[in-house]
């Protein structure tokens, strides 16, 4: 196990060639590091394997747990399962790439001695979340669903535009 700093920076200069493991617990403190994060809280474990070579580094990110997500159906927070598995290669060269613009391979200067993994971890979590985030069947708040349904009897709000009634009639005729 490689010693790590809490700020997600890994110092690789001086390490012998070989494989190292790094573990992080990701919670609201992690997500607070980002401006306008996709998620604000979670309970995730990031297990990272790092291979050190003379010409670069290879990382395998294995991230699992849950994040607090807003349900697209009822707008309440729920625990959204996350399972992420990504590889990333780092090459040493005189030319560098901006780590925030890199995909699976980045280039760092031979003069560098550390790498900050937090942005990569964050992006892997976000990329692993489904685009449609909803509770499991039956998990939505029924009061919110009733309020969003538009039924006059259910929420006491009448449709201000009579064209909605014509559209509902059209839909009913199609279903008959």
N, C-alpha and C. Protein backbone atom coordinates (compact mmCIF):
# COMPACT_ATOMS: atom_id res chain seq x y z
N UNK A 1 0.85 -1.18 0.00
CA UNK A 1 0.00 0.00 0.00
C UNK A 1 0.89 1.23 0.00
N UNK A 2 0.60 2.15 -0.87
CA UNK A 2 1.36 3.39 -1.00
C UNK A 2 0.81 4.41 -0.03
N UNK A 3 1.70 5.10 0.66
CA UNK A 3 1.25 6.19 1.51
C UNK A 3 0.65 7.28 0.66
N UNK A 4 -0.44 7.86 1.08
CA UNK A 4 -1.10 8.89 0.29
C UNK A 4 -1.38 10.10 1.16
N UNK A 5 -1.56 11.22 0.47
CA UNK A 5 -1.97 12.43 1.15
C UNK A 5 -3.47 12.59 0.95
N UNK A 6 -4.13 13.24 1.89
CA UNK A 6 -5.58 13.38 1.81
C UNK A 6 -6.05 14.27 0.67
N UNK A 7 -5.14 15.00 0.05
CA UNK A 7 -5.55 15.91 -1.01
C UNK A 7 -5.50 15.27 -2.39
N UNK A 8 -5.40 13.95 -2.48
CA UNK A 8 -5.47 13.18 -3.72
C UNK A 8 -4.26 13.38 -4.62
N UNK A 9 -3.18 13.90 -4.04
CA UNK A 9 -1.93 14.07 -4.78
C UNK A 9 -1.02 12.90 -4.46
N UNK A 10 -0.53 12.24 -5.51
CA UNK A 10 0.36 11.10 -5.35
C UNK A 10 1.75 11.50 -5.81
N UNK A 11 2.70 11.35 -4.93
CA UNK A 11 4.10 11.63 -5.27
C UNK A 11 4.74 10.35 -5.79
N UNK A 12 5.12 10.36 -7.06
CA UNK A 12 5.66 9.16 -7.68
C UNK A 12 7.17 9.23 -7.89
N UNK A 13 7.73 10.42 -7.86
CA UNK A 13 9.18 10.56 -8.08
C UNK A 13 9.92 9.81 -6.96
N UNK A 14 10.87 9.01 -7.33
CA UNK A 14 11.66 8.26 -6.36
C UNK A 14 11.11 6.88 -6.05
N UNK A 15 9.91 6.57 -6.54
CA UNK A 15 9.36 5.23 -6.32
C UNK A 15 10.05 4.24 -7.27
N UNK A 16 10.24 3.04 -6.79
CA UNK A 16 10.81 1.99 -7.63
C UNK A 16 9.75 1.48 -8.60
N UNK A 17 10.19 0.97 -9.73
CA UNK A 17 9.25 0.37 -10.67
C UNK A 17 8.48 -0.74 -9.96
N UNK A 18 7.19 -0.79 -10.20
CA UNK A 18 6.37 -1.80 -9.55
C UNK A 18 4.94 -1.33 -9.41
N UNK A 19 4.16 -2.10 -8.68
CA UNK A 19 2.74 -1.82 -8.50
C UNK A 19 2.47 -1.34 -7.08
N UNK A 20 1.62 -0.33 -6.99
CA UNK A 20 1.25 0.26 -5.70
C UNK A 20 -0.27 0.39 -5.65
N UNK A 21 -0.83 0.36 -4.44
CA UNK A 21 -2.26 0.52 -4.26
C UNK A 21 -2.55 1.76 -3.44
N UNK A 22 -3.61 2.45 -3.82
CA UNK A 22 -4.04 3.67 -3.13
C UNK A 22 -5.54 3.55 -2.91
N UNK A 23 -6.02 3.83 -1.72
CA UNK A 23 -7.45 3.77 -1.41
C UNK A 23 -7.92 5.13 -0.91
N UNK A 24 -9.08 5.54 -1.38
CA UNK A 24 -9.71 6.78 -0.91
C UNK A 24 -11.16 6.50 -0.56
N UNK A 25 -11.66 7.17 0.46
CA UNK A 25 -13.08 7.20 0.78
C UNK A 25 -13.59 8.54 0.27
N UNK A 26 -14.63 8.50 -0.55
CA UNK A 26 -15.19 9.72 -1.15
C UNK A 26 -16.52 10.02 -0.51
N UNK A 27 -16.64 11.21 0.05
CA UNK A 27 -17.87 11.64 0.70
C UNK A 27 -18.12 13.10 0.37
N UNK A 28 -18.94 13.77 1.17
CA UNK A 28 -19.27 15.17 0.86
C UNK A 28 -18.03 16.06 0.87
N UNK A 29 -17.01 15.73 1.64
CA UNK A 29 -15.79 16.53 1.66
C UNK A 29 -15.08 16.46 0.31
N UNK A 30 -15.12 15.30 -0.34
CA UNK A 30 -14.52 15.17 -1.65
C UNK A 30 -15.28 16.03 -2.67
N UNK A 31 -16.61 15.92 -2.70
CA UNK A 31 -17.39 16.66 -3.69
C UNK A 31 -17.34 18.16 -3.44
N UNK A 32 -17.08 18.58 -2.21
CA UNK A 32 -16.98 20.01 -1.89
C UNK A 32 -15.73 20.64 -2.52
N UNK A 33 -14.80 19.83 -2.98
CA UNK A 33 -13.59 20.35 -3.62
C UNK A 33 -13.86 20.92 -5.01
N UNK A 34 -15.04 20.68 -5.55
CA UNK A 34 -15.36 21.08 -6.92
C UNK A 34 -16.41 22.17 -6.94
N UNK A 35 -16.25 23.08 -7.89
CA UNK A 35 -17.21 24.15 -8.06
C UNK A 35 -18.43 23.60 -8.79
N UNK A 36 -19.59 23.78 -8.23
CA UNK A 36 -20.86 23.32 -8.81
C UNK A 36 -20.82 21.85 -9.19
N UNK A 37 -20.61 20.97 -8.20
CA UNK A 37 -20.47 19.54 -8.51
C UNK A 37 -21.78 18.90 -8.95
N UNK A 38 -21.65 17.86 -9.74
CA UNK A 38 -22.81 17.08 -10.19
C UNK A 38 -23.51 16.43 -8.99
N UNK A 39 -22.73 16.00 -8.02
CA UNK A 39 -23.24 15.40 -6.78
C UNK A 39 -22.62 16.13 -5.61
N UNK A 40 -23.35 16.21 -4.50
CA UNK A 40 -22.82 16.93 -3.34
C UNK A 40 -22.45 16.01 -2.19
N UNK A 41 -22.83 14.75 -2.28
CA UNK A 41 -22.52 13.81 -1.21
C UNK A 41 -22.48 12.40 -1.78
N UNK A 42 -21.83 11.53 -1.06
CA UNK A 42 -21.75 10.16 -1.49
C UNK A 42 -21.03 9.31 -0.47
N UNK A 43 -21.02 8.04 -0.73
CA UNK A 43 -20.29 7.09 0.10
C UNK A 43 -19.64 6.10 -0.88
N UNK A 44 -18.45 6.48 -1.35
CA UNK A 44 -17.76 5.72 -2.38
C UNK A 44 -16.38 5.30 -1.90
N UNK A 45 -15.91 4.20 -2.44
CA UNK A 45 -14.54 3.76 -2.21
C UNK A 45 -13.84 3.77 -3.56
N UNK A 46 -12.69 4.43 -3.62
CA UNK A 46 -11.87 4.44 -4.83
C UNK A 46 -10.62 3.62 -4.55
N UNK A 47 -10.52 2.50 -5.22
CA UNK A 47 -9.32 1.64 -5.11
C UNK A 47 -8.53 1.86 -6.39
N UNK A 48 -7.31 2.33 -6.23
CA UNK A 48 -6.50 2.68 -7.38
C UNK A 48 -5.22 1.86 -7.36
N UNK A 49 -4.96 1.22 -8.47
CA UNK A 49 -3.69 0.50 -8.64
C UNK A 49 -2.82 1.36 -9.55
N UNK A 50 -1.60 1.59 -9.10
CA UNK A 50 -0.67 2.41 -9.87
C UNK A 50 0.57 1.57 -10.18
N UNK A 51 0.89 1.49 -11.46
CA UNK A 51 2.12 0.82 -11.88
C UNK A 51 3.12 1.90 -12.28
N UNK A 52 4.32 1.80 -11.74
CA UNK A 52 5.38 2.76 -12.03
C UNK A 52 6.36 2.12 -12.99
N UNK A 53 6.64 2.82 -14.08
CA UNK A 53 7.64 2.40 -15.07
C UNK A 53 8.62 3.55 -15.24
N UNK A 54 9.73 3.30 -15.86
CA UNK A 54 10.72 4.36 -16.10
C UNK A 54 10.18 5.39 -17.09
N UNK A 55 9.27 4.99 -17.97
CA UNK A 55 8.73 5.88 -19.00
C UNK A 55 7.38 6.49 -18.63
N UNK A 56 6.76 6.06 -17.51
CA UNK A 56 5.46 6.60 -17.15
C UNK A 56 4.77 5.83 -16.05
N UNK A 57 3.48 6.04 -15.97
CA UNK A 57 2.64 5.42 -14.95
C UNK A 57 1.39 4.84 -15.61
N UNK A 58 0.83 3.83 -15.00
CA UNK A 58 -0.47 3.32 -15.41
C UNK A 58 -1.34 3.23 -14.17
N UNK A 59 -2.57 3.71 -14.32
CA UNK A 59 -3.53 3.69 -13.22
C UNK A 59 -4.74 2.85 -13.61
N UNK A 60 -5.27 2.10 -12.67
CA UNK A 60 -6.55 1.42 -12.81
C UNK A 60 -7.41 1.91 -11.66
N UNK A 61 -8.52 2.58 -12.00
CA UNK A 61 -9.44 3.13 -11.02
C UNK A 61 -10.63 2.19 -10.89
N UNK A 62 -10.90 1.73 -9.69
CA UNK A 62 -12.05 0.89 -9.40
C UNK A 62 -12.84 1.61 -8.31
N UNK A 63 -13.95 2.23 -8.70
CA UNK A 63 -14.72 3.08 -7.80
C UNK A 63 -16.12 2.50 -7.64
N UNK A 64 -16.56 2.32 -6.40
CA UNK A 64 -17.90 1.78 -6.18
C UNK A 64 -18.50 2.38 -4.92
N UNK A 65 -19.82 2.38 -4.90
CA UNK A 65 -20.57 2.92 -3.76
C UNK A 65 -21.81 3.64 -4.26
N UNK A 66 -22.21 4.66 -3.54
CA UNK A 66 -23.40 5.42 -3.91
C UNK A 66 -23.12 6.92 -3.82
N UNK A 67 -23.88 7.68 -4.61
CA UNK A 67 -23.88 9.14 -4.52
C UNK A 67 -25.31 9.58 -4.26
N UNK A 68 -25.46 10.72 -3.63
CA UNK A 68 -26.79 11.30 -3.44
C UNK A 68 -27.17 12.02 -4.73
N UNK A 69 -28.22 11.51 -5.37
CA UNK A 69 -28.67 12.09 -6.64
C UNK A 69 -30.12 12.51 -6.52
N UNK A 70 -30.50 13.49 -7.32
CA UNK A 70 -31.88 13.94 -7.36
C UNK A 70 -32.63 13.10 -8.37
N UNK A 71 -33.74 12.54 -7.95
CA UNK A 71 -34.57 11.71 -8.83
C UNK A 71 -35.17 12.59 -9.92
N UNK A 72 -35.04 12.15 -11.17
CA UNK A 72 -35.60 12.90 -12.30
C UNK A 72 -37.12 12.86 -12.31
N UNK A 73 -37.71 11.93 -11.59
CA UNK A 73 -39.16 11.77 -11.58
C UNK A 73 -39.82 12.57 -10.47
N UNK A 74 -39.29 12.47 -9.24
CA UNK A 74 -39.97 13.12 -8.10
C UNK A 74 -39.13 14.20 -7.42
N UNK A 75 -37.89 14.39 -7.86
CA UNK A 75 -36.97 15.44 -7.39
C UNK A 75 -36.43 15.23 -5.98
N UNK A 76 -36.67 14.06 -5.38
CA UNK A 76 -36.11 13.81 -4.05
C UNK A 76 -34.75 13.14 -4.18
N UNK A 77 -33.90 13.35 -3.16
CA UNK A 77 -32.59 12.72 -3.16
C UNK A 77 -32.70 11.23 -2.85
N UNK A 78 -31.84 10.45 -3.50
CA UNK A 78 -31.78 9.02 -3.22
C UNK A 78 -30.35 8.55 -3.45
N UNK A 79 -30.05 7.35 -2.96
CA UNK A 79 -28.72 6.77 -3.13
C UNK A 79 -28.63 6.09 -4.49
N UNK A 80 -27.83 6.67 -5.37
CA UNK A 80 -27.65 6.14 -6.72
C UNK A 80 -26.38 5.29 -6.74
N UNK A 81 -26.50 4.00 -7.07
CA UNK A 81 -25.32 3.14 -7.12
C UNK A 81 -24.36 3.57 -8.24
N UNK A 82 -23.08 3.53 -7.94
CA UNK A 82 -22.03 3.86 -8.90
C UNK A 82 -21.03 2.71 -8.94
N UNK A 83 -20.67 2.31 -10.12
CA UNK A 83 -19.61 1.32 -10.31
C UNK A 83 -18.79 1.81 -11.50
N UNK A 84 -17.54 2.19 -11.24
CA UNK A 84 -16.66 2.74 -12.27
C UNK A 84 -15.38 1.94 -12.33
N UNK A 85 -14.92 1.68 -13.55
CA UNK A 85 -13.66 0.97 -13.75
C UNK A 85 -13.00 1.60 -14.98
N UNK A 86 -11.91 2.34 -14.74
CA UNK A 86 -11.24 3.06 -15.82
C UNK A 86 -9.73 2.88 -15.72
N UNK A 87 -9.11 2.90 -16.89
CA UNK A 87 -7.65 2.88 -16.99
C UNK A 87 -7.17 4.26 -17.44
N UNK A 88 -5.98 4.62 -17.00
CA UNK A 88 -5.37 5.88 -17.43
C UNK A 88 -3.86 5.68 -17.50
N UNK A 89 -3.27 6.15 -18.58
CA UNK A 89 -1.82 6.05 -18.76
C UNK A 89 -1.21 7.44 -18.68
N UNK A 90 -0.04 7.51 -18.07
CA UNK A 90 0.71 8.76 -17.95
C UNK A 90 2.08 8.52 -18.57
N UNK A 91 2.44 9.35 -19.51
CA UNK A 91 3.76 9.27 -20.14
C UNK A 91 4.58 10.48 -19.72
N UNK A 92 5.86 10.28 -19.57
CA UNK A 92 6.77 11.38 -19.24
C UNK A 92 7.41 11.87 -20.53
N UNK A 93 7.40 13.18 -20.71
CA UNK A 93 7.96 13.78 -21.91
C UNK A 93 8.27 15.24 -21.64
N UNK A 94 8.93 15.87 -22.61
CA UNK A 94 9.18 17.32 -22.49
C UNK A 94 7.92 18.11 -22.78
N UNK A 95 6.98 17.52 -23.55
CA UNK A 95 5.71 18.16 -23.85
C UNK A 95 4.68 17.64 -22.86
N UNK A 96 3.84 18.53 -22.36
CA UNK A 96 2.83 18.11 -21.39
C UNK A 96 1.42 18.38 -21.92
N UNK A 97 0.46 17.67 -21.37
CA UNK A 97 -0.95 17.93 -21.67
C UNK A 97 -1.61 18.37 -20.38
N UNK A 98 -2.65 19.16 -20.53
CA UNK A 98 -3.42 19.59 -19.37
C UNK A 98 -4.23 18.39 -18.88
N UNK A 99 -4.01 17.94 -17.63
CA UNK A 99 -4.74 16.76 -17.13
C UNK A 99 -6.25 16.88 -17.23
N UNK A 100 -6.80 18.10 -17.17
CA UNK A 100 -8.25 18.26 -17.25
C UNK A 100 -8.76 18.06 -18.68
N UNK A 101 -7.87 18.14 -19.66
CA UNK A 101 -8.29 17.97 -21.05
C UNK A 101 -7.93 16.59 -21.60
N UNK A 102 -7.30 15.77 -20.81
CA UNK A 102 -6.84 14.46 -21.26
C UNK A 102 -7.93 13.41 -21.09
N UNK A 103 -7.83 12.39 -21.91
CA UNK A 103 -8.77 11.27 -21.80
C UNK A 103 -8.09 10.12 -21.08
N UNK A 104 -7.72 9.11 -21.82
CA UNK A 104 -7.14 7.92 -21.20
C UNK A 104 -5.62 8.01 -21.06
N UNK A 105 -5.01 8.97 -21.74
CA UNK A 105 -3.56 9.11 -21.64
C UNK A 105 -3.20 10.58 -21.50
N UNK A 106 -2.34 10.87 -20.55
CA UNK A 106 -1.86 12.23 -20.37
C UNK A 106 -0.33 12.21 -20.41
N UNK A 107 0.23 13.36 -20.67
CA UNK A 107 1.68 13.49 -20.71
C UNK A 107 2.09 14.51 -19.67
N UNK A 108 3.05 14.12 -18.84
CA UNK A 108 3.59 15.02 -17.82
C UNK A 108 5.06 15.27 -18.11
N UNK A 109 5.52 16.41 -17.70
CA UNK A 109 6.93 16.77 -17.85
C UNK A 109 7.81 15.82 -17.04
N UNK A 110 8.98 15.55 -17.55
CA UNK A 110 9.93 14.72 -16.82
C UNK A 110 10.37 15.41 -15.54
N UNK A 111 10.10 16.69 -15.42
CA UNK A 111 10.45 17.44 -14.22
C UNK A 111 9.41 17.32 -13.11
N UNK A 112 8.22 16.85 -13.47
CA UNK A 112 7.15 16.69 -12.46
C UNK A 112 7.52 15.58 -11.48
N UNK A 113 6.92 15.64 -10.29
CA UNK A 113 7.19 14.61 -9.28
C UNK A 113 5.92 14.10 -8.59
N UNK A 114 4.77 14.65 -9.00
CA UNK A 114 3.50 14.24 -8.39
C UNK A 114 2.37 14.42 -9.39
N UNK A 115 1.26 13.74 -9.09
CA UNK A 115 0.06 13.85 -9.92
C UNK A 115 -1.14 13.98 -9.00
N UNK A 116 -2.03 14.88 -9.36
CA UNK A 116 -3.26 15.11 -8.61
C UNK A 116 -4.37 14.27 -9.26
N UNK A 117 -4.93 13.33 -8.52
CA UNK A 117 -5.92 12.40 -9.07
C UNK A 117 -7.36 12.84 -8.86
N UNK A 118 -7.61 13.90 -8.09
CA UNK A 118 -9.00 14.21 -7.71
C UNK A 118 -9.90 14.50 -8.91
N UNK A 119 -9.41 15.25 -9.91
CA UNK A 119 -10.24 15.56 -11.07
C UNK A 119 -10.58 14.29 -11.85
N UNK A 120 -9.61 13.41 -11.98
CA UNK A 120 -9.85 12.16 -12.71
C UNK A 120 -10.88 11.31 -11.96
N UNK A 121 -10.73 11.19 -10.65
CA UNK A 121 -11.68 10.40 -9.86
C UNK A 121 -13.08 10.97 -10.01
N UNK A 122 -13.20 12.29 -9.87
CA UNK A 122 -14.50 12.96 -9.99
C UNK A 122 -15.14 12.68 -11.35
N UNK A 123 -14.36 12.84 -12.42
CA UNK A 123 -14.91 12.63 -13.76
C UNK A 123 -15.34 11.18 -13.98
N UNK A 124 -14.59 10.24 -13.43
CA UNK A 124 -14.96 8.84 -13.57
C UNK A 124 -16.27 8.55 -12.84
N UNK A 125 -16.47 9.18 -11.69
CA UNK A 125 -17.74 9.01 -10.95
C UNK A 125 -18.90 9.56 -11.78
N UNK A 126 -18.73 10.78 -12.30
CA UNK A 126 -19.81 11.42 -13.07
C UNK A 126 -20.10 10.64 -14.35
N UNK A 127 -19.04 10.19 -15.03
CA UNK A 127 -19.24 9.43 -16.27
C UNK A 127 -19.94 8.10 -16.03
N UNK A 128 -19.81 7.56 -14.84
CA UNK A 128 -20.42 6.26 -14.53
C UNK A 128 -21.88 6.37 -14.12
N UNK A 129 -22.34 7.56 -13.83
CA UNK A 129 -23.74 7.74 -13.43
C UNK A 129 -24.62 7.71 -14.67
N UNK A 130 -25.78 7.07 -14.59
CA UNK A 130 -26.67 7.05 -15.75
C UNK A 130 -27.21 8.45 -16.04
N UNK A 131 -27.57 8.69 -17.28
CA UNK A 131 -28.10 10.01 -17.64
C UNK A 131 -29.50 10.22 -17.05
N UNK A 132 -30.25 9.14 -16.91
CA UNK A 132 -31.58 9.23 -16.29
C UNK A 132 -31.47 8.64 -14.89
N UNK A 133 -31.71 9.46 -13.91
CA UNK A 133 -31.52 9.06 -12.52
C UNK A 133 -32.87 9.03 -11.82
N UNK A 134 -33.35 7.83 -11.54
CA UNK A 134 -34.65 7.67 -10.91
C UNK A 134 -34.58 6.61 -9.82
N UNK A 135 -35.49 6.75 -8.85
CA UNK A 135 -35.63 5.73 -7.81
C UNK A 135 -35.94 4.37 -8.45
N UNK A 136 -35.70 3.33 -7.69
CA UNK A 136 -36.19 2.02 -8.12
C UNK A 136 -37.71 2.09 -8.15
N UNK A 137 -38.32 1.17 -8.91
CA UNK A 137 -39.77 1.17 -9.05
C UNK A 137 -40.45 1.21 -7.68
N UNK A 138 -41.36 2.16 -7.51
CA UNK A 138 -42.10 2.30 -6.26
C UNK A 138 -41.39 3.14 -5.21
N UNK A 139 -40.20 3.64 -5.51
CA UNK A 139 -39.44 4.40 -4.52
C UNK A 139 -39.70 5.89 -4.52
N UNK A 140 -40.39 6.38 -5.53
CA UNK A 140 -40.63 7.83 -5.63
C UNK A 140 -41.66 8.28 -4.59
N UNK A 141 -41.56 9.54 -4.22
CA UNK A 141 -42.49 10.16 -3.28
C UNK A 141 -43.85 10.30 -3.97
N UNK A 142 -44.88 9.61 -3.49
CA UNK A 142 -46.19 9.66 -4.16
C UNK A 142 -46.81 11.05 -4.16
N UNK A 143 -46.56 11.83 -3.12
CA UNK A 143 -47.10 13.20 -3.08
C UNK A 143 -46.52 14.06 -4.20
N UNK A 144 -45.22 13.91 -4.43
CA UNK A 144 -44.59 14.68 -5.50
C UNK A 144 -45.10 14.21 -6.86
N UNK A 145 -45.24 12.90 -7.05
CA UNK A 145 -45.76 12.39 -8.31
C UNK A 145 -47.17 12.90 -8.58
N UNK A 146 -47.97 12.95 -7.52
CA UNK A 146 -49.34 13.45 -7.65
C UNK A 146 -49.33 14.93 -8.04
N UNK A 147 -48.43 15.70 -7.44
CA UNK A 147 -48.34 17.13 -7.75
C UNK A 147 -47.89 17.35 -9.19
N UNK A 148 -47.04 16.49 -9.70
CA UNK A 148 -46.53 16.64 -11.07
C UNK A 148 -47.47 16.06 -12.12
N UNK A 149 -48.47 15.26 -11.69
CA UNK A 149 -49.32 14.56 -12.66
C UNK A 149 -50.24 15.50 -13.43
N UNK A 150 -50.60 16.63 -12.85
CA UNK A 150 -51.47 17.57 -13.54
C UNK A 150 -52.94 17.25 -13.39
N UNK A 151 -53.30 16.23 -12.61
CA UNK A 151 -54.71 15.91 -12.40
C UNK A 151 -55.34 16.97 -11.52
N UNK A 152 -56.42 17.58 -12.00
CA UNK A 152 -57.06 18.66 -11.26
C UNK A 152 -57.56 18.20 -9.89
N UNK A 153 -58.13 16.98 -9.85
CA UNK A 153 -58.68 16.50 -8.59
C UNK A 153 -57.57 16.26 -7.57
N UNK A 154 -56.39 15.89 -8.05
CA UNK A 154 -55.31 15.50 -7.13
C UNK A 154 -54.61 16.70 -6.51
N UNK A 155 -54.38 17.76 -7.29
CA UNK A 155 -53.59 18.85 -6.73
C UNK A 155 -54.32 20.18 -6.66
N UNK A 156 -55.58 20.22 -7.07
CA UNK A 156 -56.36 21.44 -6.91
C UNK A 156 -55.98 22.54 -7.88
N UNK A 157 -55.17 22.27 -8.88
CA UNK A 157 -54.77 23.28 -9.85
C UNK A 157 -55.49 22.99 -11.16
N UNK A 158 -56.13 24.00 -11.72
CA UNK A 158 -56.80 23.79 -12.99
C UNK A 158 -55.88 24.26 -14.12
N UNK A 159 -56.04 23.63 -15.29
CA UNK A 159 -55.25 24.02 -16.44
C UNK A 159 -55.77 25.35 -16.96
N UNK A 160 -54.91 26.35 -17.08
CA UNK A 160 -55.37 27.66 -17.53
C UNK A 160 -55.66 27.70 -19.03
N UNK A 161 -55.17 26.75 -19.79
CA UNK A 161 -55.31 26.79 -21.24
C UNK A 161 -56.21 25.64 -21.68
N UNK A 162 -57.35 25.93 -22.33
CA UNK A 162 -58.28 24.88 -22.73
C UNK A 162 -57.70 23.93 -23.79
N UNK A 163 -56.61 24.29 -24.43
CA UNK A 163 -56.02 23.39 -25.43
C UNK A 163 -55.51 22.10 -24.78
N UNK A 164 -55.16 22.17 -23.49
CA UNK A 164 -54.71 20.96 -22.80
C UNK A 164 -55.83 19.92 -22.76
N UNK A 165 -57.05 20.39 -22.55
CA UNK A 165 -58.18 19.45 -22.54
C UNK A 165 -58.35 18.80 -23.90
N UNK A 166 -58.15 19.56 -24.97
CA UNK A 166 -58.28 19.01 -26.32
C UNK A 166 -57.18 17.97 -26.56
N UNK A 167 -55.98 18.23 -26.08
CA UNK A 167 -54.89 17.26 -26.22
C UNK A 167 -55.17 15.99 -25.43
N UNK A 168 -55.73 16.15 -24.22
CA UNK A 168 -56.09 14.98 -23.43
C UNK A 168 -57.16 14.15 -24.14
N UNK A 169 -58.17 14.83 -24.75
CA UNK A 169 -59.21 14.12 -25.50
C UNK A 169 -58.61 13.38 -26.68
N UNK A 170 -57.67 14.00 -27.36
CA UNK A 170 -57.01 13.37 -28.49
C UNK A 170 -56.26 12.11 -28.04
N UNK A 171 -55.56 12.21 -26.94
CA UNK A 171 -54.83 11.07 -26.39
C UNK A 171 -55.79 9.96 -25.99
N UNK A 172 -56.87 10.29 -25.36
CA UNK A 172 -57.88 9.30 -24.97
C UNK A 172 -58.47 8.60 -26.20
N UNK A 173 -58.72 9.34 -27.30
CA UNK A 173 -59.26 8.75 -28.51
C UNK A 173 -58.26 7.78 -29.14
N UNK A 174 -56.98 8.09 -29.06
CA UNK A 174 -55.95 7.21 -29.61
C UNK A 174 -55.88 5.92 -28.82
N UNK A 175 -56.01 6.03 -27.50
CA UNK A 175 -55.91 4.86 -26.63
C UNK A 175 -57.15 3.97 -26.68
N UNK A 176 -58.26 4.49 -27.19
CA UNK A 176 -59.51 3.69 -27.27
C UNK A 176 -59.51 2.73 -28.40
